[in-house]
Structure formats: C-alpha cells, structure tokens
C-alpha cells in the first residue's frame, strides 16, 4: 500500500511536529514486525546514507526498514525509522512480547506507544537544519543519535 498526503502545516514548527509524529508512528508500527523481517541492526546492515532522487522537490517518501535494507540506502527519515523500530523491537524482546497472548501483546504495544510519547523509550526528534528539516533518534537519557552522519551523510 502507498499512502500519500499533504501536510497542513502553517509554520515550520508545526511541520516539524507533524513529521516527528508521523515517523514515531511509522517506527511504532514497524517494531512488532521487525524480528519477523529478519533485518540486521542498522549499523551492521551495510545501509548507507543517500538523498532521495527527488530531494528538494517537496515530495518525501518515508520508507520502511525492509525497503531501506533492500535498497542499501536511505535518507535521514528512512534511517531514523529503521533505527527507532530496531530499538523498540529490543524493548519488545525485553517484555517477552513474542510469547504473549494477543490481549497482552495489545497492552504491551499501548505501553510502548506511551513510552515513546513520554520520552522513556527511543523516539524521533525533528528540527530545522538551515532550510531543511532533519530528524534524529532521541534516546531515553535525552541524548541524540544521528544515523545519517554515522552512515555517510555530509556534515
């Protein structure tokens, strides 16, 4: 399925907020499937940073981790979703999610979403870097990680 939308942001701050929420939601949606995809950790995957072909056009694709892995390339939003989904899958491992009943899995996923929203679990940070929106991974201790830089983006 492909989803296309226009972001009704009236300011740069609301655009950053919208992107953060969309990417957090994407990572949360990917986390329970991450193990079944058989993906390696991002930094062991061989994936490198690359701008999308349509970079700067106003169109943006938020690729899923399997798509990023197959391509071997991703821009900042793609790499952040891969990394946050990977870290959230680690949280699901700690909760023994995979062996839970369906009702318990639903409760665990709700707790995961609350943990992301409250900053107790890894999440997305979206902010402006000059004229461009850039996203990072926010760790629970408040530090940030920039997969783009770690995987070859110019800085």
Protein backbone atom coordinates (compact mmCIF):
# COMPACT_ATOMS: atom_id res chain seq x y z
CA UNK A 1 0.00 0.00 0.00
CA UNK A 2 1.20 3.50 -0.77
CA UNK A 3 -0.12 6.44 1.22
CA UNK A 4 0.23 10.00 0.02
CA UNK A 5 -0.79 13.06 1.98
CA UNK A 6 -0.27 16.78 2.16
CA UNK A 7 0.91 18.14 5.47
CA UNK A 8 -1.32 21.06 6.51
CA UNK A 9 1.46 22.78 8.46
CA UNK A 10 1.05 26.50 8.93
CA UNK A 11 4.55 27.05 10.32
CA UNK A 12 7.94 25.41 10.38
CA UNK A 13 7.28 24.33 13.98
CA UNK A 14 4.04 22.56 13.12
CA UNK A 15 5.70 20.86 10.13
CA UNK A 16 8.49 19.55 12.38
CA UNK A 17 5.90 18.31 14.89
CA UNK A 18 3.86 16.59 12.18
CA UNK A 19 6.93 14.84 10.75
CA UNK A 20 8.06 13.73 14.24
CA UNK A 21 4.63 12.23 14.96
CA UNK A 22 4.42 10.52 11.55
CA UNK A 23 7.88 8.97 11.93
CA UNK A 24 7.27 7.90 15.55
CA UNK A 25 4.07 6.24 14.34
CA UNK A 26 5.90 4.52 11.50
CA UNK A 27 8.59 3.18 13.85
CA UNK A 28 5.94 2.01 16.34
CA UNK A 29 4.10 0.25 13.51
CA UNK A 30 7.29 -1.45 12.32
CA UNK A 31 8.59 -2.55 15.73
CA UNK A 32 6.35 -5.63 16.21
CA UNK A 33 7.24 -6.89 12.72
CA UNK A 34 10.95 -6.06 12.88
CA UNK A 35 12.08 -9.53 14.07
CA UNK A 36 9.92 -11.35 11.52
CA UNK A 37 11.57 -9.34 8.74
CA UNK A 38 14.94 -10.84 9.68
CA UNK A 39 16.72 -7.49 9.40
CA UNK A 40 20.17 -6.94 10.89
CA UNK A 41 20.77 -3.98 13.19
CA UNK A 42 21.03 -0.78 11.15
CA UNK A 43 24.73 -0.23 11.80
CA UNK A 44 25.55 -3.81 10.76
CA UNK A 45 23.25 -3.80 7.71
CA UNK A 46 25.55 -2.23 5.13
CA UNK A 47 22.94 0.51 4.54
CA UNK A 48 24.41 3.92 3.71
CA UNK A 49 23.01 7.44 3.70
CA UNK A 50 21.81 8.83 0.38
CA UNK A 51 19.42 11.61 -0.55
CA UNK A 52 16.25 10.52 -2.35
CA UNK A 53 16.21 11.06 -6.12
CA UNK A 54 13.54 13.73 -5.69
CA UNK A 55 15.37 15.50 -2.83
CA UNK A 56 14.26 19.12 -2.54
CA UNK A 57 11.13 18.67 -4.66
CA UNK A 58 8.67 18.83 -1.76
CA UNK A 59 7.79 15.14 -2.16
CA UNK A 60 9.05 12.85 0.58
CA UNK A 61 8.93 9.07 0.96
CA UNK A 62 9.02 7.53 4.42
CA UNK A 63 10.44 4.10 3.53
CA UNK A 64 10.03 1.06 5.76
CA UNK A 65 13.08 -0.76 7.16
CA UNK A 66 12.76 -3.71 4.70
CA UNK A 67 12.72 -1.28 1.75
CA UNK A 68 15.76 0.57 3.13
CA UNK A 69 17.63 -2.70 3.66
CA UNK A 70 16.89 -3.98 0.14
CA UNK A 71 17.93 -0.66 -1.43
CA UNK A 72 21.00 -0.39 0.80
CA UNK A 73 20.33 3.36 1.01
CA UNK A 74 18.17 5.76 2.96
CA UNK A 75 17.84 9.41 3.78
CA UNK A 76 17.54 10.75 7.32
CA UNK A 77 13.88 9.84 7.87
CA UNK A 78 14.34 6.33 6.49
CA UNK A 79 17.38 5.66 8.68
CA UNK A 80 15.71 7.06 11.80
CA UNK A 81 12.61 4.87 11.35
CA UNK A 82 14.84 1.80 10.85
CA UNK A 83 16.87 2.61 13.99
CA UNK A 84 13.93 3.52 16.25
CA UNK A 85 11.98 0.42 15.12
CA UNK A 86 15.07 -1.69 15.87
CA UNK A 87 15.41 -0.19 19.36
CA UNK A 88 11.69 -0.60 20.05
CA UNK A 89 11.89 -4.26 18.91
CA UNK A 90 14.64 -4.66 21.54
CA UNK A 91 12.13 -3.32 24.11
CA UNK A 92 9.58 -5.86 22.91
CA UNK A 93 12.21 -8.60 23.34
CA UNK A 94 12.74 -7.49 26.95
CA UNK A 95 8.96 -7.61 27.52
CA UNK A 96 8.86 -11.15 26.03
CA UNK A 97 6.31 -9.76 23.57
CA UNK A 98 6.62 -12.57 21.06
CA UNK A 99 5.37 -15.23 23.51
CA UNK A 100 2.46 -13.20 24.92
CA UNK A 101 -1.23 -13.72 24.27
CA UNK A 102 -2.92 -11.36 21.80
CA UNK A 103 -4.54 -9.38 24.64
CA UNK A 104 -1.19 -9.00 26.42
CA UNK A 105 0.53 -8.02 23.16
CA UNK A 106 -2.02 -5.23 22.63
CA UNK A 107 -1.42 -3.96 26.17
CA UNK A 108 2.36 -4.10 25.64
CA UNK A 109 2.06 -2.15 22.37
CA UNK A 110 -0.02 0.54 24.10
CA UNK A 111 2.66 0.76 26.80
CA UNK A 112 5.31 1.01 24.07
CA UNK A 113 3.45 3.95 22.48
CA UNK A 114 3.16 5.69 25.86
CA UNK A 115 6.88 5.13 26.45
CA UNK A 116 7.73 6.74 23.10
CA UNK A 117 5.38 9.68 23.69
CA UNK A 118 6.73 10.28 27.20
CA UNK A 119 10.40 10.08 26.18
CA UNK A 120 11.05 6.95 28.26
CA UNK A 121 11.81 4.99 25.08
CA UNK A 122 13.66 5.88 21.86
CA UNK A 123 11.78 8.29 19.62
CA UNK A 124 12.21 10.79 16.80
CA UNK A 125 13.42 14.38 17.04
CA UNK A 126 12.59 16.64 14.10
CA UNK A 127 14.16 20.07 13.78
CA UNK A 128 15.35 22.53 11.20
CA UNK A 129 18.93 22.49 9.95
CA UNK A 130 19.07 25.62 7.83
CA UNK A 131 16.45 25.32 5.10
CA UNK A 132 15.88 21.58 5.60
CA UNK A 133 14.07 19.52 8.17
CA UNK A 134 16.38 16.92 9.74
CA UNK A 135 15.46 14.03 12.03
CA UNK A 136 17.46 12.26 14.71
CA UNK A 137 16.97 9.44 17.19
CA UNK A 138 16.27 10.63 20.73
CA UNK A 139 17.46 8.16 23.35
CA UNK A 140 15.70 7.80 26.73
CA UNK A 141 18.57 9.61 28.50
CA UNK A 142 17.96 12.68 26.32
CA UNK A 143 21.00 12.22 24.08
CA UNK A 144 20.55 12.12 20.33
CA UNK A 145 21.99 9.87 17.68
CA UNK A 146 22.29 10.86 14.02
CA UNK A 147 22.21 7.74 11.83
CA UNK A 148 22.68 9.89 8.73
CA UNK A 149 26.07 11.17 9.87
CA UNK A 150 27.08 7.74 11.15
CA UNK A 151 26.20 6.23 7.75
CA UNK A 152 27.93 8.71 5.49
CA UNK A 153 25.95 11.93 5.19
CA UNK A 154 27.97 15.07 4.58
CA UNK A 155 28.14 17.38 7.60
